[in-house]
Amino acid sequence: MRMAAAEFIAAGETDEQVARRFRVTKMSVNRWRHALQTGGPGALVSRGAAGTKPLLTLDQQQELMALIEVGPAAHGYLDQRWTLARIAELIRVRFGVRFHSSGALHEMLTRIGASWQVPTRRAAERNEQAFATWREETWPSIKARP
């Protein structure tokens, strides 16, 4: 959008005209005009998303997904339950990166598609008939309680 607006700015349109055409503020157009005058069209190129850089590279994120998918037992845990603390420890040991906020770790895991809350497969030991019976007979009485 900035590059398209630059053409209209170069053609002599006012900030107000360009702002109306691109549905932005006059202040934005003024910044674009100033950037064009001082740095040329290259000054309007996007610098990427704002904020801090990710703690793990894309390759590390892919490797982390593979490590998570093999399960906690492969990493020395006695049960098959991933927690944020366990994943943070796995990242610290494997990549030397420390997540100081569980929120940041949770956000990164969500972004890469990892979920420790919902299993991707059902347990091989699961008894479908027993589960169906429980759902039809026991669950309604539990659900009905105030």
N, C-alpha and C. Protein backbone atom coordinates (compact mmCIF):
# COMPACT_ATOMS: atom_id res chain seq x y z
N MET A 1 0.83 -1.18 0.00
CA MET A 1 0.00 0.00 0.00
C MET A 1 0.88 1.25 0.00
N ARG A 2 1.99 1.22 0.77
CA ARG A 2 2.87 2.38 0.81
C ARG A 2 3.49 2.65 -0.56
N MET A 3 3.85 1.56 -1.26
CA MET A 3 4.47 1.72 -2.58
C MET A 3 3.46 2.29 -3.58
N ALA A 4 2.21 1.84 -3.50
CA ALA A 4 1.17 2.37 -4.38
C ALA A 4 0.91 3.84 -4.06
N ALA A 5 0.91 4.17 -2.77
CA ALA A 5 0.69 5.56 -2.36
C ALA A 5 1.84 6.44 -2.83
N ALA A 6 3.05 5.89 -2.88
CA ALA A 6 4.22 6.66 -3.30
C ALA A 6 4.05 7.18 -4.72
N GLU A 7 3.39 6.40 -5.56
CA GLU A 7 3.15 6.85 -6.94
C GLU A 7 2.26 8.09 -6.97
N PHE A 8 1.24 8.10 -6.11
CA PHE A 8 0.33 9.25 -6.07
C PHE A 8 1.01 10.45 -5.42
N ILE A 9 1.86 10.19 -4.43
CA ILE A 9 2.62 11.27 -3.80
C ILE A 9 3.55 11.90 -4.83
N ALA A 10 4.26 11.04 -5.61
CA ALA A 10 5.18 11.53 -6.64
C ALA A 10 4.42 12.28 -7.73
N ALA A 11 3.17 11.91 -7.97
CA ALA A 11 2.36 12.58 -9.00
C ALA A 11 1.85 13.94 -8.53
N GLY A 12 2.09 14.27 -7.25
CA GLY A 12 1.74 15.60 -6.76
C GLY A 12 0.45 15.69 -5.96
N GLU A 13 -0.16 14.55 -5.64
CA GLU A 13 -1.38 14.61 -4.83
C GLU A 13 -1.04 15.06 -3.42
N THR A 14 -1.99 15.71 -2.78
CA THR A 14 -1.79 16.18 -1.41
C THR A 14 -1.91 15.01 -0.43
N ASP A 15 -1.45 15.26 0.78
CA ASP A 15 -1.56 14.23 1.83
C ASP A 15 -3.02 13.84 2.05
N GLU A 16 -3.89 14.84 2.02
CA GLU A 16 -5.31 14.58 2.25
C GLU A 16 -5.91 13.71 1.14
N GLN A 17 -5.54 13.96 -0.10
CA GLN A 17 -6.05 13.18 -1.22
C GLN A 17 -5.56 11.72 -1.14
N VAL A 18 -4.28 11.54 -0.84
CA VAL A 18 -3.72 10.19 -0.74
C VAL A 18 -4.34 9.46 0.45
N ALA A 19 -4.51 10.18 1.56
CA ALA A 19 -5.09 9.57 2.76
C ALA A 19 -6.51 9.09 2.48
N ARG A 20 -7.28 9.90 1.78
CA ARG A 20 -8.64 9.52 1.46
C ARG A 20 -8.66 8.31 0.52
N ARG A 21 -7.78 8.32 -0.47
CA ARG A 21 -7.72 7.23 -1.46
C ARG A 21 -7.37 5.89 -0.80
N PHE A 22 -6.44 5.90 0.16
CA PHE A 22 -5.98 4.66 0.79
C PHE A 22 -6.58 4.40 2.16
N ARG A 23 -7.49 5.30 2.57
CA ARG A 23 -8.18 5.15 3.85
C ARG A 23 -7.21 5.04 5.02
N VAL A 24 -6.28 5.97 5.07
CA VAL A 24 -5.32 6.07 6.17
C VAL A 24 -5.35 7.51 6.67
N THR A 25 -4.59 7.78 7.72
CA THR A 25 -4.55 9.15 8.25
C THR A 25 -3.61 10.02 7.43
N LYS A 26 -3.84 11.33 7.50
CA LYS A 26 -2.94 12.26 6.82
C LYS A 26 -1.54 12.18 7.42
N MET A 27 -1.48 11.90 8.71
CA MET A 27 -0.18 11.79 9.38
C MET A 27 0.65 10.64 8.78
N SER A 28 -0.02 9.52 8.48
CA SER A 28 0.69 8.39 7.86
C SER A 28 1.23 8.79 6.50
N VAL A 29 0.40 9.44 5.71
CA VAL A 29 0.84 9.87 4.38
C VAL A 29 2.00 10.85 4.50
N ASN A 30 1.95 11.73 5.48
CA ASN A 30 3.02 12.69 5.69
C ASN A 30 4.34 11.98 6.04
N ARG A 31 4.25 10.93 6.87
CA ARG A 31 5.45 10.15 7.20
C ARG A 31 6.00 9.47 5.94
N TRP A 32 5.09 8.93 5.12
CA TRP A 32 5.51 8.27 3.88
C TRP A 32 6.20 9.29 2.96
N ARG A 33 5.62 10.49 2.85
CA ARG A 33 6.19 11.54 2.00
C ARG A 33 7.60 11.89 2.48
N HIS A 34 7.73 12.06 3.78
CA HIS A 34 9.04 12.40 4.36
C HIS A 34 10.05 11.27 4.10
N ALA A 35 9.61 10.01 4.28
CA ALA A 35 10.50 8.86 4.04
C ALA A 35 10.93 8.81 2.58
N LEU A 36 10.03 9.11 1.67
CA LEU A 36 10.36 9.13 0.25
C LEU A 36 11.40 10.20 -0.06
N GLN A 37 11.23 11.37 0.53
CA GLN A 37 12.14 12.49 0.27
C GLN A 37 13.53 12.21 0.83
N THR A 38 13.60 11.57 1.99
CA THR A 38 14.90 11.36 2.63
C THR A 38 15.58 10.06 2.22
N GLY A 39 14.80 9.01 1.94
CA GLY A 39 15.41 7.72 1.66
C GLY A 39 15.00 7.05 0.37
N GLY A 40 14.13 7.68 -0.38
CA GLY A 40 13.67 7.09 -1.63
C GLY A 40 12.67 5.98 -1.40
N PRO A 41 12.27 5.29 -2.47
CA PRO A 41 11.25 4.24 -2.34
C PRO A 41 11.64 3.11 -1.39
N GLY A 42 12.93 2.83 -1.24
CA GLY A 42 13.38 1.78 -0.33
C GLY A 42 13.03 2.05 1.12
N ALA A 43 12.84 3.33 1.45
CA ALA A 43 12.49 3.69 2.82
C ALA A 43 11.06 3.28 3.19
N LEU A 44 10.26 2.95 2.17
CA LEU A 44 8.88 2.55 2.44
C LEU A 44 8.71 1.04 2.57
N VAL A 45 9.77 0.28 2.37
CA VAL A 45 9.69 -1.18 2.46
C VAL A 45 9.42 -1.57 3.91
N SER A 46 8.57 -2.57 4.09
CA SER A 46 8.22 -3.03 5.44
C SER A 46 9.44 -3.56 6.16
N ARG A 47 9.54 -3.25 7.43
CA ARG A 47 10.63 -3.75 8.26
C ARG A 47 10.24 -5.02 9.01
N GLY A 48 9.07 -5.57 8.70
CA GLY A 48 8.60 -6.78 9.37
C GLY A 48 7.76 -6.45 10.58
N ALA A 49 7.34 -7.49 11.24
CA ALA A 49 6.48 -7.32 12.41
C ALA A 49 7.24 -6.65 13.55
N ALA A 50 6.51 -5.84 14.29
CA ALA A 50 7.11 -5.18 15.44
C ALA A 50 7.26 -6.17 16.59
N GLY A 51 8.03 -5.80 17.56
CA GLY A 51 8.19 -6.65 18.74
C GLY A 51 9.52 -7.37 18.74
N THR A 52 9.71 -8.16 19.77
CA THR A 52 10.96 -8.88 19.91
C THR A 52 11.03 -10.05 18.94
N LYS A 53 12.24 -10.44 18.62
CA LYS A 53 12.46 -11.58 17.74
C LYS A 53 12.13 -12.86 18.51
N PRO A 54 11.66 -13.90 17.81
CA PRO A 54 11.36 -15.17 18.49
C PRO A 54 12.61 -15.74 19.14
N LEU A 55 12.43 -16.40 20.29
CA LEU A 55 13.56 -17.00 20.99
C LEU A 55 14.11 -18.22 20.26
N LEU A 56 13.24 -18.92 19.52
CA LEU A 56 13.66 -20.09 18.76
C LEU A 56 13.54 -19.81 17.28
N THR A 57 14.51 -20.25 16.50
CA THR A 57 14.45 -20.10 15.05
C THR A 57 13.38 -21.05 14.51
N LEU A 58 13.05 -20.89 13.24
CA LEU A 58 12.06 -21.79 12.62
C LEU A 58 12.54 -23.23 12.65
N ASP A 59 13.83 -23.45 12.39
CA ASP A 59 14.38 -24.81 12.44
C ASP A 59 14.28 -25.39 13.85
N GLN A 60 14.56 -24.56 14.86
CA GLN A 60 14.45 -25.03 16.25
C GLN A 60 13.01 -25.32 16.61
N GLN A 61 12.08 -24.52 16.12
CA GLN A 61 10.66 -24.76 16.39
C GLN A 61 10.22 -26.09 15.80
N GLN A 62 10.68 -26.38 14.59
CA GLN A 62 10.34 -27.66 13.95
C GLN A 62 10.95 -28.82 14.73
N GLU A 63 12.18 -28.65 15.17
CA GLU A 63 12.83 -29.70 15.95
C GLU A 63 12.10 -29.89 17.28
N LEU A 64 11.67 -28.80 17.89
CA LEU A 64 10.91 -28.89 19.14
C LEU A 64 9.64 -29.69 18.94
N MET A 65 8.92 -29.44 17.84
CA MET A 65 7.70 -30.20 17.56
C MET A 65 8.01 -31.69 17.48
N ALA A 66 9.10 -32.04 16.82
CA ALA A 66 9.48 -33.45 16.70
C ALA A 66 9.80 -34.02 18.08
N LEU A 67 10.48 -33.25 18.92
CA LEU A 67 10.81 -33.71 20.27
C LEU A 67 9.55 -33.91 21.11
N ILE A 68 8.59 -33.02 20.96
CA ILE A 68 7.33 -33.12 21.71
C ILE A 68 6.55 -34.35 21.24
N GLU A 69 6.54 -34.58 19.94
CA GLU A 69 5.74 -35.68 19.39
C GLU A 69 6.22 -37.06 19.84
N VAL A 70 7.51 -37.21 20.17
CA VAL A 70 7.97 -38.53 20.63
C VAL A 70 7.51 -38.81 22.05
N GLY A 71 7.04 -37.79 22.76
CA GLY A 71 6.46 -37.99 24.08
C GLY A 71 7.42 -37.74 25.22
N PRO A 72 6.87 -37.46 26.39
CA PRO A 72 7.68 -37.16 27.56
C PRO A 72 8.55 -38.34 28.02
N ALA A 73 8.08 -39.56 27.85
CA ALA A 73 8.85 -40.73 28.29
C ALA A 73 10.20 -40.79 27.59
N ALA A 74 10.26 -40.37 26.35
CA ALA A 74 11.52 -40.39 25.60
C ALA A 74 12.53 -39.39 26.17
N HIS A 75 12.05 -38.48 27.00
CA HIS A 75 12.92 -37.47 27.61
C HIS A 75 13.12 -37.71 29.10
N GLY A 76 12.77 -38.91 29.55
CA GLY A 76 13.05 -39.29 30.93
C GLY A 76 11.92 -39.11 31.92
N TYR A 77 10.74 -38.72 31.49
CA TYR A 77 9.62 -38.57 32.40
C TYR A 77 8.88 -39.89 32.52
N LEU A 78 8.33 -40.14 33.71
CA LEU A 78 7.68 -41.42 33.97
C LEU A 78 6.28 -41.52 33.38
N ASP A 79 5.63 -40.38 33.18
CA ASP A 79 4.27 -40.43 32.61
C ASP A 79 4.26 -39.76 31.24
N GLN A 80 3.13 -39.85 30.57
CA GLN A 80 2.98 -39.30 29.22
C GLN A 80 2.24 -37.97 29.26
N ARG A 81 2.67 -37.07 30.13
CA ARG A 81 1.98 -35.80 30.31
C ARG A 81 2.96 -34.66 30.11
N TRP A 82 2.71 -33.86 29.06
CA TRP A 82 3.53 -32.67 28.86
C TRP A 82 2.95 -31.53 29.69
N THR A 83 3.80 -30.76 30.32
CA THR A 83 3.41 -29.54 31.00
C THR A 83 4.27 -28.41 30.45
N LEU A 84 3.86 -27.17 30.70
CA LEU A 84 4.68 -26.05 30.25
C LEU A 84 6.06 -26.10 30.90
N ALA A 85 6.11 -26.48 32.17
CA ALA A 85 7.40 -26.55 32.86
C ALA A 85 8.31 -27.59 32.20
N ARG A 86 7.76 -28.72 31.84
CA ARG A 86 8.56 -29.77 31.20
C ARG A 86 9.04 -29.32 29.82
N ILE A 87 8.17 -28.67 29.07
CA ILE A 87 8.56 -28.21 27.74
C ILE A 87 9.61 -27.10 27.86
N ALA A 88 9.44 -26.21 28.85
CA ALA A 88 10.43 -25.16 29.07
C ALA A 88 11.79 -25.77 29.41
N GLU A 89 11.79 -26.81 30.22
CA GLU A 89 13.04 -27.50 30.58
C GLU A 89 13.65 -28.18 29.34
N LEU A 90 12.82 -28.79 28.53
CA LEU A 90 13.30 -29.42 27.30
C LEU A 90 13.98 -28.38 26.40
N ILE A 91 13.36 -27.22 26.26
CA ILE A 91 13.92 -26.15 25.45
C ILE A 91 15.23 -25.65 26.04
N ARG A 92 15.27 -25.50 27.36
CA ARG A 92 16.49 -25.02 28.02
C ARG A 92 17.65 -25.98 27.80
N VAL A 93 17.39 -27.28 27.98
CA VAL A 93 18.44 -28.29 27.83
C VAL A 93 18.87 -28.42 26.37
N ARG A 94 17.91 -28.51 25.47
CA ARG A 94 18.23 -28.79 24.06
C ARG A 94 18.78 -27.58 23.31
N PHE A 95 18.17 -26.39 23.56
CA PHE A 95 18.53 -25.22 22.77
C PHE A 95 19.25 -24.14 23.57
N GLY A 96 19.32 -24.29 24.88
CA GLY A 96 19.98 -23.29 25.70
C GLY A 96 19.20 -21.99 25.80
N VAL A 97 17.90 -22.07 25.63
CA VAL A 97 17.03 -20.89 25.65
C VAL A 97 16.10 -21.00 26.84
N ARG A 98 15.99 -19.92 27.59
CA ARG A 98 15.14 -19.90 28.77
C ARG A 98 13.91 -19.03 28.51
N PHE A 99 12.73 -19.61 28.70
CA PHE A 99 11.49 -18.85 28.65
C PHE A 99 11.18 -18.41 30.08
N HIS A 100 11.19 -17.10 30.32
CA HIS A 100 10.93 -16.60 31.67
C HIS A 100 9.44 -16.44 31.95
N SER A 101 8.64 -16.52 30.90
CA SER A 101 7.20 -16.35 31.05
C SER A 101 6.49 -17.56 30.47
N SER A 102 5.62 -18.18 31.27
CA SER A 102 4.86 -19.30 30.73
C SER A 102 3.90 -18.83 29.65
N GLY A 103 3.47 -17.56 29.73
CA GLY A 103 2.60 -17.01 28.71
C GLY A 103 3.29 -16.93 27.36
N ALA A 104 4.57 -16.52 27.36
CA ALA A 104 5.34 -16.45 26.11
C ALA A 104 5.54 -17.84 25.53
N LEU A 105 5.81 -18.81 26.40
CA LEU A 105 5.99 -20.19 25.94
C LEU A 105 4.68 -20.73 25.38
N HIS A 106 3.59 -20.49 26.07
CA HIS A 106 2.28 -20.93 25.62
C HIS A 106 1.96 -20.32 24.25
N GLU A 107 2.23 -19.04 24.09
CA GLU A 107 1.97 -18.36 22.82
C GLU A 107 2.79 -18.96 21.69
N MET A 108 4.07 -19.23 21.96
CA MET A 108 4.93 -19.82 20.94
C MET A 108 4.44 -21.22 20.56
N LEU A 109 4.07 -22.02 21.55
CA LEU A 109 3.58 -23.37 21.28
C LEU A 109 2.28 -23.34 20.47
N THR A 110 1.42 -22.40 20.79
CA THR A 110 0.17 -22.26 20.04
C THR A 110 0.47 -21.86 18.60
N ARG A 111 1.41 -20.94 18.42
CA ARG A 111 1.77 -20.46 17.09
C ARG A 111 2.33 -21.59 16.21
N ILE A 112 3.09 -22.51 16.81
CA ILE A 112 3.68 -23.59 16.00
C ILE A 112 2.76 -24.80 15.93
N GLY A 113 1.60 -24.73 16.58
CA GLY A 113 0.62 -25.80 16.46
C GLY A 113 0.75 -26.91 17.47
N ALA A 114 1.49 -26.69 18.55
CA ALA A 114 1.65 -27.72 19.58
C ALA A 114 0.56 -27.54 20.63
N SER A 115 -0.04 -28.63 21.04
CA SER A 115 -1.01 -28.59 22.12
C SER A 115 -0.78 -29.79 23.02
N TRP A 116 -0.48 -29.54 24.27
CA TRP A 116 -0.26 -30.62 25.22
C TRP A 116 -1.55 -31.00 25.92
N GLN A 117 -2.65 -30.33 25.58
CA GLN A 117 -3.91 -30.57 26.27
C GLN A 117 -4.80 -31.58 25.55
N VAL A 118 -4.67 -31.70 24.25
CA VAL A 118 -5.55 -32.58 23.49
C VAL A 118 -4.69 -33.62 22.78
N PRO A 119 -4.88 -34.89 23.08
CA PRO A 119 -4.05 -35.90 22.41
C PRO A 119 -4.38 -35.98 20.93
N THR A 120 -3.36 -36.25 20.12
CA THR A 120 -3.59 -36.37 18.69
C THR A 120 -4.13 -37.75 18.34
N ARG A 121 -3.85 -38.74 19.19
CA ARG A 121 -4.34 -40.09 18.96
C ARG A 121 -4.99 -40.60 20.25
N ARG A 122 -5.86 -41.57 20.11
CA ARG A 122 -6.47 -42.19 21.28
C ARG A 122 -5.56 -43.28 21.81
N ALA A 123 -5.64 -43.52 23.09
CA ALA A 123 -4.82 -44.55 23.70
C ALA A 123 -5.16 -45.92 23.12
N ALA A 124 -4.16 -46.72 22.89
CA ALA A 124 -4.37 -48.06 22.33
C ALA A 124 -5.16 -48.92 23.30
N GLU A 125 -5.03 -48.63 24.61
CA GLU A 125 -5.71 -49.42 25.64
C GLU A 125 -7.17 -49.02 25.83
N ARG A 126 -7.61 -47.98 25.17
CA ARG A 126 -8.96 -47.46 25.37
C ARG A 126 -10.00 -48.51 24.97
N ASN A 127 -10.97 -48.71 25.87
CA ASN A 127 -12.06 -49.65 25.65
C ASN A 127 -13.27 -48.84 25.19
N GLU A 128 -13.53 -48.87 23.91
CA GLU A 128 -14.61 -48.05 23.33
C GLU A 128 -15.98 -48.42 23.91
N GLN A 129 -16.22 -49.72 24.14
CA GLN A 129 -17.51 -50.15 24.67
C GLN A 129 -17.70 -49.63 26.09
N ALA A 130 -16.67 -49.73 26.92
CA ALA A 130 -16.76 -49.22 28.29
C ALA A 130 -16.97 -47.71 28.30
N PHE A 131 -16.30 -47.02 27.40
CA PHE A 131 -16.45 -45.57 27.31
C PHE A 131 -17.87 -45.21 26.90
N ALA A 132 -18.42 -45.89 25.90
CA ALA A 132 -19.78 -45.61 25.44
C ALA A 132 -20.79 -45.86 26.56
N THR A 133 -20.60 -46.95 27.30
CA THR A 133 -21.50 -47.26 28.42
C THR A 133 -21.42 -46.17 29.48
N TRP A 134 -20.20 -45.76 29.82
CA TRP A 134 -20.03 -44.71 30.83
C TRP A 134 -20.71 -43.42 30.37
N ARG A 135 -20.52 -43.06 29.09
CA ARG A 135 -21.09 -41.82 28.57
C ARG A 135 -22.62 -41.87 28.60
N GLU A 136 -23.22 -43.01 28.34
CA GLU A 136 -24.67 -43.12 28.28
C GLU A 136 -25.30 -43.30 29.66
N GLU A 137 -24.61 -43.98 30.58
CA GLU A 137 -25.22 -44.30 31.87
C GLU A 137 -24.73 -43.41 33.01
N THR A 138 -23.44 -43.22 33.14
CA THR A 138 -22.89 -42.50 34.27
C THR A 138 -22.87 -40.98 34.06
N TRP A 139 -22.44 -40.55 32.91
CA TRP A 139 -22.29 -39.12 32.64
C TRP A 139 -23.59 -38.34 32.83
N PRO A 140 -24.76 -38.80 32.38
CA PRO A 140 -25.99 -38.03 32.60
C PRO A 140 -26.27 -37.75 34.07
N SER A 141 -25.98 -38.70 34.95
CA SER A 141 -26.24 -38.46 36.37
C SER A 141 -25.25 -37.44 36.94
N ILE A 142 -24.02 -37.45 36.45
CA ILE A 142 -23.03 -36.47 36.91
C ILE A 142 -23.42 -35.09 36.39
N LYS A 143 -23.80 -35.01 35.15
CA LYS A 143 -24.16 -33.74 34.54
C LYS A 143 -25.41 -33.14 35.17
N ALA A 144 -26.33 -33.97 35.63
CA ALA A 144 -27.60 -33.51 36.19
C ALA A 144 -27.43 -32.89 37.57
N ARG A 145 -26.33 -33.17 38.26
CA ARG A 145 -26.14 -32.63 39.61
C ARG A 145 -26.02 -31.11 39.57
N PRO A 146 -26.62 -30.43 40.60
CA PRO A 146 -26.57 -28.96 40.61
C PRO A 146 -25.17 -28.46 40.90
